[in-house]
Amino acid sequence: MIRSPGPKAHPLHGSWPEFRADPLAFLLDGTLAYGDFYRFRLGLKRWQETRCS
């Protein structure tokens, strides 16, 4: 199985500080950097972002 790309995250809190600071900018930046499908971590949970247009 091929895993979607995503930003590097802190081992414990993932990308939570960046997401908490500005959720919309975090998701938009991820889409621009990694495309329509990417993954990221918030705390210990993994998330998959899918953009539908």
C-alpha atoms as a PDB file:
ATOM      1  CA  MET A   1       0.000   0.000   0.000  1.00  0.00           C
ATOM      2  CA  ILE A   2       1.319   3.427  -0.939  1.00  0.00           C
ATOM      3  CA  ARG A   3       0.986   6.082   1.757  1.00  0.00           C
ATOM      4  CA  SER A   4       0.086   9.645   0.935  1.00  0.00           C
ATOM      5  CA  PRO A   5       2.769  12.290   1.483  1.00  0.00           C
ATOM      6  CA  GLY A   6       2.483  14.840   4.241  1.00  0.00           C
ATOM      7  CA  PRO A   7       4.352  17.265   6.455  1.00  0.00           C
ATOM      8  CA  LYS A   8       6.942  16.088   8.965  1.00  0.00           C
ATOM      9  CA  ALA A   9       5.507  16.158  12.457  1.00  0.00           C
ATOM     10  CA  HIS A  10       6.686  16.117  16.048  1.00  0.00           C
ATOM     11  CA  PRO A  11       6.577  12.533  17.415  1.00  0.00           C
ATOM     12  CA  LEU A  12       4.251  13.396  20.301  1.00  0.00           C
ATOM     13  CA  HIS A  13       1.958  16.238  19.241  1.00  0.00           C
ATOM     14  CA  GLY A  14       2.166  15.900  15.466  1.00  0.00           C
ATOM     15  CA  SER A  15       1.170  19.022  13.550  1.00  0.00           C
ATOM     16  CA  TRP A  16      -1.213  20.227  16.268  1.00  0.00           C
ATOM     17  CA  PRO A  17       0.524  23.606  16.959  1.00  0.00           C
ATOM     18  CA  GLU A  18       0.467  24.577  13.268  1.00  0.00           C
ATOM     19  CA  PHE A  19      -3.144  23.401  12.847  1.00  0.00           C
ATOM     20  CA  ARG A  20      -4.284  25.174  16.023  1.00  0.00           C
ATOM     21  CA  ALA A  21      -2.687  28.476  14.985  1.00  0.00           C
ATOM     22  CA  ASP A  22      -4.646  28.641  11.699  1.00  0.00           C
ATOM     23  CA  PRO A  23      -6.596  25.517  10.613  1.00  0.00           C
ATOM     24  CA  LEU A  24      -7.651  26.854   7.209  1.00  0.00           C
ATOM     25  CA  ALA A  25      -4.123  27.979   6.281  1.00  0.00           C
ATOM     26  CA  PHE A  26      -2.723  24.633   7.478  1.00  0.00           C
ATOM     27  CA  LEU A  27      -5.104  22.659   5.235  1.00  0.00           C
ATOM     28  CA  LEU A  28      -4.622  25.000   2.259  1.00  0.00           C
ATOM     29  CA  ASP A  29      -0.822  24.901   2.581  1.00  0.00           C
ATOM     30  CA  GLY A  30      -0.967  21.093   2.721  1.00  0.00           C
ATOM     31  CA  THR A  31      -3.041  20.967  -0.448  1.00  0.00           C
ATOM     32  CA  LEU A  32      -0.670  23.316  -2.253  1.00  0.00           C
ATOM     33  CA  ALA A  33       2.435  21.442  -1.081  1.00  0.00           C
ATOM     34  CA  TYR A  34       1.256  17.808  -1.386  1.00  0.00           C
ATOM     35  CA  GLY A  35      -1.696  17.824  -3.782  1.00  0.00           C
ATOM     36  CA  ASP A  36      -5.284  16.641  -3.393  1.00  0.00           C
ATOM     37  CA  PHE A  37      -4.469  13.726  -1.070  1.00  0.00           C
ATOM     38  CA  TYR A  38      -2.105  14.047   1.892  1.00  0.00           C
ATOM     39  CA  ARG A  39      -1.842  12.886   5.476  1.00  0.00           C
ATOM     40  CA  PHE A  40      -0.955  14.616   8.708  1.00  0.00           C
ATOM     41  CA  ARG A  41      -1.000  13.950  12.438  1.00  0.00           C
ATOM     42  CA  LEU A  42      -2.811  15.839  15.175  1.00  0.00           C
ATOM     43  CA  GLY A  43      -1.567  14.407  18.436  1.00  0.00           C
ATOM     44  CA  LEU A  44      -1.436  10.630  18.157  1.00  0.00           C
ATOM     45  CA  LYS A  45      -4.210  10.452  15.515  1.00  0.00           C
ATOM     46  CA  ARG A  46      -3.454  10.253  11.796  1.00  0.00           C
ATOM     47  CA  TRP A  47      -5.693  12.138   9.369  1.00  0.00           C
ATOM     48  CA  GLN A  48      -6.118  11.928   5.615  1.00  0.00           C
ATOM     49  CA  GLU A  49      -7.117  15.103   3.781  1.00  0.00           C
ATOM     50  CA  THR A  50      -8.984  14.781   0.503  1.00  0.00           C
ATOM     51  CA  ARG A  51      -9.890  17.765  -1.601  1.00  0.00           C
ATOM     52  CA  CYS A  52     -13.064  17.423  -3.653  1.00  0.00           C
ATOM     53  CA  SER A  53     -13.634  19.968  -6.358  1.00  0.00           C
END
